[in-house]
Amino acid sequence: MKKVLLICIFGLGILLSACGSSAASSPAVGAVEGYVNAIVANDADKLSALSCADWESDALIELDSLQAVTSTLDGFACQETGTDGEATLVHCDGKMILSYNGENQELDLSTRTYQVVEQSGDWLICGVR
């Protein structure tokens, strides 16, 4: 009887841990992840599509400032941290590694919080803090 009980408890523990690790990210987090990946990929069209009209020119200026470097991400992960009015706040951890002529510089992504808004069913970056 003890063996059966132990097996059931062990199985329930595995089941509960599997459920906890399968949580899907929110649409706001997905928008920020797409935005940062568009910067790394040097994809102006995708960056524009993920930016609200008021933020689009700032996003493209940021992309232009990185034209001479090759970018990669290290330890990149984002999560919602709250709201401010209609904006969902998304904070990311990790680094963007910027490489130019064989020299690397690190850009700490944890210094920014992205403001994400839903407009017509799309989640768009509309500023950073």
N, C-alpha and C. Protein backbone atom coordinates (compact mmCIF):
# COMPACT_ATOMS: atom_id res chain seq x y z
N MET A 1 0.81 -1.19 0.00
CA MET A 1 0.00 0.00 0.00
C MET A 1 0.87 1.27 0.00
N LYS A 2 1.96 1.26 0.79
CA LYS A 2 2.85 2.41 0.82
C LYS A 2 3.47 2.66 -0.54
N LYS A 3 3.84 1.57 -1.24
CA LYS A 3 4.45 1.72 -2.57
C LYS A 3 3.49 2.39 -3.53
N VAL A 4 2.25 1.99 -3.50
CA VAL A 4 1.25 2.57 -4.40
C VAL A 4 1.07 4.05 -4.09
N LEU A 5 1.00 4.38 -2.81
CA LEU A 5 0.85 5.77 -2.41
C LEU A 5 2.06 6.61 -2.84
N LEU A 6 3.26 6.09 -2.66
CA LEU A 6 4.47 6.80 -3.07
C LEU A 6 4.52 7.00 -4.58
N ILE A 7 4.12 5.98 -5.32
CA ILE A 7 4.10 6.07 -6.78
C ILE A 7 3.09 7.13 -7.23
N CYS A 8 1.93 7.15 -6.58
CA CYS A 8 0.91 8.15 -6.93
C CYS A 8 1.40 9.57 -6.63
N ILE A 9 2.03 9.76 -5.46
CA ILE A 9 2.54 11.08 -5.10
C ILE A 9 3.63 11.51 -6.08
N PHE A 10 4.53 10.60 -6.42
CA PHE A 10 5.60 10.89 -7.36
C PHE A 10 5.02 11.26 -8.73
N GLY A 11 4.05 10.49 -9.21
CA GLY A 11 3.42 10.76 -10.50
C GLY A 11 2.69 12.09 -10.51
N LEU A 12 2.00 12.42 -9.41
CA LEU A 12 1.30 13.69 -9.31
C LEU A 12 2.30 14.86 -9.32
N GLY A 13 3.43 14.67 -8.65
CA GLY A 13 4.47 15.71 -8.65
C GLY A 13 5.00 15.98 -10.05
N ILE A 14 5.23 14.93 -10.81
CA ILE A 14 5.71 15.08 -12.19
C ILE A 14 4.65 15.78 -13.03
N LEU A 15 3.42 15.38 -12.88
CA LEU A 15 2.32 15.98 -13.64
C LEU A 15 2.19 17.47 -13.34
N LEU A 16 2.25 17.84 -12.07
CA LEU A 16 2.13 19.24 -11.69
C LEU A 16 3.32 20.07 -12.17
N SER A 17 4.51 19.52 -12.11
CA SER A 17 5.66 20.28 -12.59
C SER A 17 5.62 20.46 -14.09
N ALA A 18 5.09 19.50 -14.82
CA ALA A 18 4.97 19.64 -16.28
C ALA A 18 3.95 20.71 -16.63
N CYS A 19 2.88 20.80 -15.88
CA CYS A 19 1.86 21.82 -16.15
C CYS A 19 2.41 23.22 -15.89
N GLY A 20 3.19 23.39 -14.85
CA GLY A 20 3.73 24.69 -14.50
C GLY A 20 4.73 25.20 -15.51
N SER A 21 5.45 24.32 -16.18
CA SER A 21 6.49 24.77 -17.09
C SER A 21 5.99 25.02 -18.51
N SER A 22 4.71 24.79 -18.76
CA SER A 22 4.22 24.94 -20.12
C SER A 22 3.44 26.23 -20.33
N ALA A 23 3.58 27.17 -19.41
CA ALA A 23 2.85 28.42 -19.53
C ALA A 23 3.28 29.19 -20.79
N ALA A 24 2.30 29.63 -21.57
CA ALA A 24 2.60 30.36 -22.79
C ALA A 24 2.86 31.82 -22.46
N SER A 25 3.71 32.45 -23.25
CA SER A 25 3.97 33.87 -23.02
C SER A 25 2.79 34.68 -23.53
N SER A 26 2.67 35.88 -23.02
CA SER A 26 1.57 36.76 -23.40
C SER A 26 1.82 37.38 -24.77
N PRO A 27 0.76 37.91 -25.39
CA PRO A 27 0.95 38.60 -26.68
C PRO A 27 1.89 39.80 -26.56
N ALA A 28 1.85 40.50 -25.43
CA ALA A 28 2.74 41.65 -25.24
C ALA A 28 4.20 41.21 -25.20
N VAL A 29 4.47 40.12 -24.50
CA VAL A 29 5.84 39.58 -24.44
C VAL A 29 6.27 39.13 -25.83
N GLY A 30 5.37 38.47 -26.55
CA GLY A 30 5.68 38.03 -27.92
C GLY A 30 6.01 39.20 -28.84
N ALA A 31 5.32 40.31 -28.66
CA ALA A 31 5.59 41.49 -29.48
C ALA A 31 6.98 42.05 -29.19
N VAL A 32 7.35 42.11 -27.92
CA VAL A 32 8.68 42.62 -27.56
C VAL A 32 9.76 41.67 -28.06
N GLU A 33 9.55 40.38 -27.90
CA GLU A 33 10.54 39.41 -28.40
C GLU A 33 10.70 39.54 -29.90
N GLY A 34 9.60 39.71 -30.63
CA GLY A 34 9.67 39.91 -32.08
C GLY A 34 10.38 41.20 -32.44
N TYR A 35 10.12 42.25 -31.68
CA TYR A 35 10.74 43.56 -31.91
C TYR A 35 12.25 43.48 -31.74
N VAL A 36 12.71 42.90 -30.63
CA VAL A 36 14.15 42.80 -30.37
C VAL A 36 14.80 41.89 -31.41
N ASN A 37 14.15 40.79 -31.75
CA ASN A 37 14.69 39.90 -32.79
C ASN A 37 14.74 40.59 -34.15
N ALA A 38 13.80 41.48 -34.44
CA ALA A 38 13.83 42.23 -35.70
C ALA A 38 15.03 43.18 -35.73
N ILE A 39 15.37 43.75 -34.58
CA ILE A 39 16.57 44.61 -34.51
C ILE A 39 17.81 43.77 -34.79
N VAL A 40 17.90 42.62 -34.14
CA VAL A 40 19.06 41.74 -34.33
C VAL A 40 19.17 41.28 -35.78
N ALA A 41 18.03 41.00 -36.41
CA ALA A 41 18.01 40.52 -37.79
C ALA A 41 18.10 41.66 -38.80
N ASN A 42 18.13 42.91 -38.32
CA ASN A 42 18.19 44.08 -39.20
C ASN A 42 16.99 44.10 -40.16
N ASP A 43 15.82 43.82 -39.62
CA ASP A 43 14.60 43.71 -40.41
C ASP A 43 13.71 44.93 -40.17
N ALA A 44 13.89 45.96 -40.99
CA ALA A 44 13.15 47.21 -40.82
C ALA A 44 11.65 47.03 -41.02
N ASP A 45 11.25 46.18 -41.96
CA ASP A 45 9.83 45.98 -42.21
C ASP A 45 9.13 45.37 -41.00
N LYS A 46 9.74 44.35 -40.41
CA LYS A 46 9.15 43.71 -39.23
C LYS A 46 9.16 44.67 -38.05
N LEU A 47 10.24 45.43 -37.90
CA LEU A 47 10.33 46.40 -36.82
C LEU A 47 9.21 47.44 -36.93
N SER A 48 8.97 47.92 -38.13
CA SER A 48 7.88 48.88 -38.36
C SER A 48 6.53 48.27 -38.05
N ALA A 49 6.35 47.02 -38.46
CA ALA A 49 5.07 46.34 -38.23
C ALA A 49 4.80 46.11 -36.75
N LEU A 50 5.85 46.04 -35.94
CA LEU A 50 5.69 45.80 -34.49
C LEU A 50 5.73 47.09 -33.68
N SER A 51 5.75 48.25 -34.35
CA SER A 51 5.81 49.54 -33.67
C SER A 51 4.52 50.31 -33.92
N CYS A 52 4.04 51.01 -32.89
CA CYS A 52 2.89 51.89 -33.10
C CYS A 52 3.37 53.10 -33.91
N ALA A 53 2.44 53.83 -34.49
CA ALA A 53 2.79 54.95 -35.36
C ALA A 53 3.64 55.99 -34.65
N ASP A 54 3.35 56.25 -33.37
CA ASP A 54 4.12 57.26 -32.63
C ASP A 54 5.54 56.82 -32.32
N TRP A 55 5.82 55.53 -32.34
CA TRP A 55 7.14 55.00 -31.97
C TRP A 55 7.96 54.56 -33.18
N GLU A 56 7.34 54.41 -34.33
CA GLU A 56 8.00 53.82 -35.50
C GLU A 56 9.29 54.56 -35.88
N SER A 57 9.29 55.86 -35.91
CA SER A 57 10.50 56.58 -36.31
C SER A 57 11.63 56.36 -35.30
N ASP A 58 11.31 56.30 -34.01
CA ASP A 58 12.33 56.01 -32.99
C ASP A 58 12.91 54.61 -33.17
N ALA A 59 12.04 53.65 -33.48
CA ALA A 59 12.50 52.28 -33.70
C ALA A 59 13.44 52.21 -34.89
N LEU A 60 13.11 52.91 -35.96
CA LEU A 60 13.95 52.88 -37.16
C LEU A 60 15.28 53.62 -36.93
N ILE A 61 15.26 54.66 -36.11
CA ILE A 61 16.52 55.35 -35.75
C ILE A 61 17.42 54.39 -34.97
N GLU A 62 16.82 53.65 -34.04
CA GLU A 62 17.59 52.67 -33.28
C GLU A 62 18.20 51.62 -34.21
N LEU A 63 17.41 51.14 -35.15
CA LEU A 63 17.91 50.15 -36.11
C LEU A 63 19.04 50.75 -36.95
N ASP A 64 18.87 51.97 -37.41
CA ASP A 64 19.92 52.63 -38.21
C ASP A 64 21.23 52.76 -37.44
N SER A 65 21.13 52.99 -36.14
CA SER A 65 22.35 53.16 -35.34
C SER A 65 23.15 51.87 -35.22
N LEU A 66 22.55 50.75 -35.56
CA LEU A 66 23.23 49.46 -35.45
C LEU A 66 23.59 48.86 -36.80
N GLN A 67 23.55 49.64 -37.86
CA GLN A 67 23.80 49.13 -39.21
C GLN A 67 25.22 48.60 -39.40
N ALA A 68 26.18 49.15 -38.71
CA ALA A 68 27.58 48.76 -38.93
C ALA A 68 28.01 47.57 -38.08
N VAL A 69 27.11 47.03 -37.27
CA VAL A 69 27.48 45.93 -36.38
C VAL A 69 26.66 44.68 -36.69
N THR A 70 27.20 43.55 -36.26
CA THR A 70 26.46 42.29 -36.29
C THR A 70 25.95 42.06 -34.88
N SER A 71 24.68 41.73 -34.75
CA SER A 71 24.07 41.58 -33.43
C SER A 71 23.64 40.15 -33.18
N THR A 72 23.80 39.71 -31.93
CA THR A 72 23.27 38.43 -31.46
C THR A 72 22.72 38.65 -30.06
N LEU A 73 21.89 37.72 -29.61
CA LEU A 73 21.31 37.80 -28.27
C LEU A 73 21.91 36.73 -27.37
N ASP A 74 22.05 37.06 -26.10
CA ASP A 74 22.57 36.13 -25.11
C ASP A 74 21.70 36.21 -23.86
N GLY A 75 21.09 35.10 -23.48
CA GLY A 75 20.28 35.05 -22.27
C GLY A 75 19.02 35.90 -22.34
N PHE A 76 18.47 36.06 -23.52
CA PHE A 76 17.32 36.94 -23.75
C PHE A 76 16.03 36.28 -23.28
N ALA A 77 15.32 36.95 -22.36
CA ALA A 77 14.02 36.48 -21.87
C ALA A 77 13.23 37.69 -21.38
N CYS A 78 11.93 37.68 -21.63
CA CYS A 78 11.08 38.81 -21.26
C CYS A 78 9.88 38.34 -20.44
N GLN A 79 9.34 39.27 -19.63
CA GLN A 79 8.13 38.98 -18.88
C GLN A 79 7.38 40.29 -18.64
N GLU A 80 6.06 40.16 -18.50
CA GLU A 80 5.24 41.32 -18.16
C GLU A 80 5.54 41.73 -16.72
N THR A 81 5.58 43.05 -16.50
CA THR A 81 5.84 43.53 -15.14
C THR A 81 4.72 44.41 -14.60
N GLY A 82 3.71 44.69 -15.42
CA GLY A 82 2.59 45.51 -14.95
C GLY A 82 1.97 46.28 -16.08
N THR A 83 1.25 47.33 -15.71
CA THR A 83 0.60 48.18 -16.69
C THR A 83 0.80 49.64 -16.29
N ASP A 84 0.63 50.50 -17.28
CA ASP A 84 0.63 51.94 -17.06
C ASP A 84 -0.43 52.50 -17.99
N GLY A 85 -1.60 52.78 -17.46
CA GLY A 85 -2.72 53.18 -18.30
C GLY A 85 -3.10 52.03 -19.21
N GLU A 86 -3.11 52.28 -20.51
CA GLU A 86 -3.45 51.23 -21.48
C GLU A 86 -2.24 50.41 -21.91
N ALA A 87 -1.05 50.80 -21.49
CA ALA A 87 0.18 50.10 -21.91
C ALA A 87 0.49 48.95 -20.95
N THR A 88 0.89 47.83 -21.54
CA THR A 88 1.44 46.72 -20.78
C THR A 88 2.95 46.91 -20.74
N LEU A 89 3.53 46.76 -19.57
CA LEU A 89 4.97 46.94 -19.41
C LEU A 89 5.66 45.59 -19.49
N VAL A 90 6.70 45.51 -20.30
CA VAL A 90 7.45 44.26 -20.50
C VAL A 90 8.92 44.55 -20.25
N HIS A 91 9.50 43.77 -19.36
CA HIS A 91 10.92 43.91 -19.00
C HIS A 91 11.66 42.68 -19.52
N CYS A 92 12.84 42.89 -20.07
CA CYS A 92 13.65 41.79 -20.60
C CYS A 92 14.98 41.72 -19.87
N ASP A 93 15.50 40.52 -19.79
CA ASP A 93 16.84 40.28 -19.29
C ASP A 93 17.70 39.77 -20.44
N GLY A 94 18.98 39.80 -20.25
CA GLY A 94 19.90 39.31 -21.26
C GLY A 94 20.70 40.45 -21.87
N LYS A 95 21.46 40.08 -22.89
CA LYS A 95 22.34 41.05 -23.55
C LYS A 95 22.21 40.93 -25.06
N MET A 96 22.44 42.05 -25.71
CA MET A 96 22.62 42.06 -27.15
C MET A 96 24.12 42.23 -27.35
N ILE A 97 24.72 41.28 -28.04
CA ILE A 97 26.15 41.33 -28.32
C ILE A 97 26.32 42.01 -29.67
N LEU A 98 27.03 43.11 -29.68
CA LEU A 98 27.27 43.89 -30.90
C LEU A 98 28.71 43.69 -31.32
N SER A 99 28.90 43.17 -32.52
CA SER A 99 30.24 42.87 -33.00
C SER A 99 30.60 43.76 -34.18
N TYR A 100 31.78 44.39 -34.07
CA TYR A 100 32.29 45.25 -35.15
C TYR A 100 33.79 45.00 -35.27
N ASN A 101 34.22 44.58 -36.46
CA ASN A 101 35.63 44.28 -36.72
C ASN A 101 36.24 43.34 -35.68
N GLY A 102 35.49 42.33 -35.31
CA GLY A 102 36.00 41.33 -34.38
C GLY A 102 35.96 41.73 -32.92
N GLU A 103 35.50 42.92 -32.61
CA GLU A 103 35.39 43.36 -31.23
C GLU A 103 33.94 43.35 -30.81
N ASN A 104 33.68 42.83 -29.60
CA ASN A 104 32.32 42.74 -29.09
C ASN A 104 32.06 43.79 -28.02
N GLN A 105 30.87 44.33 -28.08
CA GLN A 105 30.34 45.21 -27.03
C GLN A 105 29.03 44.59 -26.58
N GLU A 106 28.71 44.72 -25.31
CA GLU A 106 27.47 44.18 -24.78
C GLU A 106 26.50 45.32 -24.46
N LEU A 107 25.27 45.14 -24.89
CA LEU A 107 24.20 46.07 -24.57
C LEU A 107 23.27 45.36 -23.59
N ASP A 108 23.21 45.84 -22.36
CA ASP A 108 22.39 45.23 -21.31
C ASP A 108 20.92 45.54 -21.58
N LEU A 109 20.14 44.51 -21.87
CA LEU A 109 18.73 44.71 -22.20
C LEU A 109 17.87 44.95 -20.96
N SER A 110 18.40 44.68 -19.77
CA SER A 110 17.61 44.84 -18.55
C SER A 110 17.45 46.30 -18.14
N THR A 111 18.07 47.20 -18.86
CA THR A 111 17.95 48.62 -18.52
C THR A 111 16.71 49.26 -19.14
N ARG A 112 15.95 48.49 -19.93
CA ARG A 112 14.78 49.02 -20.62
C ARG A 112 13.52 48.28 -20.18
N THR A 113 12.43 49.02 -20.15
CA THR A 113 11.11 48.43 -20.01
C THR A 113 10.31 48.91 -21.21
N TYR A 114 9.74 47.98 -21.95
CA TYR A 114 8.99 48.30 -23.16
C TYR A 114 7.53 48.56 -22.83
N GLN A 115 6.96 49.56 -23.47
CA GLN A 115 5.54 49.87 -23.35
C GLN A 115 4.85 49.29 -24.57
N VAL A 116 3.91 48.38 -24.33
CA VAL A 116 3.24 47.67 -25.40
C VAL A 116 1.74 47.96 -25.32
N VAL A 117 1.14 48.30 -26.46
CA VAL A 117 -0.29 48.58 -26.51
C VAL A 117 -0.96 47.68 -27.54
N GLU A 118 -2.23 47.41 -27.30
CA GLU A 118 -3.01 46.65 -28.28
C GLU A 118 -3.80 47.64 -29.13
N GLN A 119 -3.60 47.55 -30.44
CA GLN A 119 -4.32 48.41 -31.37
C GLN A 119 -4.88 47.54 -32.49
N SER A 120 -6.18 47.55 -32.62
CA SER A 120 -6.87 46.77 -33.67
C SER A 120 -6.45 45.31 -33.65
N GLY A 121 -6.28 44.75 -32.46
CA GLY A 121 -5.93 43.34 -32.33
C GLY A 121 -4.44 43.02 -32.43
N ASP A 122 -3.62 44.04 -32.74
CA ASP A 122 -2.17 43.83 -32.82
C ASP A 122 -1.51 44.41 -31.58
N TRP A 123 -0.49 43.72 -31.08
CA TRP A 123 0.29 44.20 -29.94
C TRP A 123 1.53 44.89 -30.48
N LEU A 124 1.68 46.19 -30.14
CA LEU A 124 2.71 47.02 -30.74
C LEU A 124 3.56 47.71 -29.66
N ILE A 125 4.85 47.81 -29.93
CA ILE A 125 5.74 48.54 -29.05
C ILE A 125 5.46 50.03 -29.28
N CYS A 126 5.29 50.76 -28.17
CA CYS A 126 4.95 52.18 -28.29
C CYS A 126 5.81 53.03 -27.37
N GLY A 127 7.01 52.54 -27.06
CA GLY A 127 7.94 53.30 -26.26
C GLY A 127 8.75 52.43 -25.35
N VAL A 128 9.80 53.02 -24.78
CA VAL A 128 10.63 52.35 -23.79
C VAL A 128 10.88 53.31 -22.64
N ARG A 129 11.21 52.74 -21.51
CA ARG A 129 11.56 53.54 -20.31
C ARG A 129 12.96 53.21 -19.92
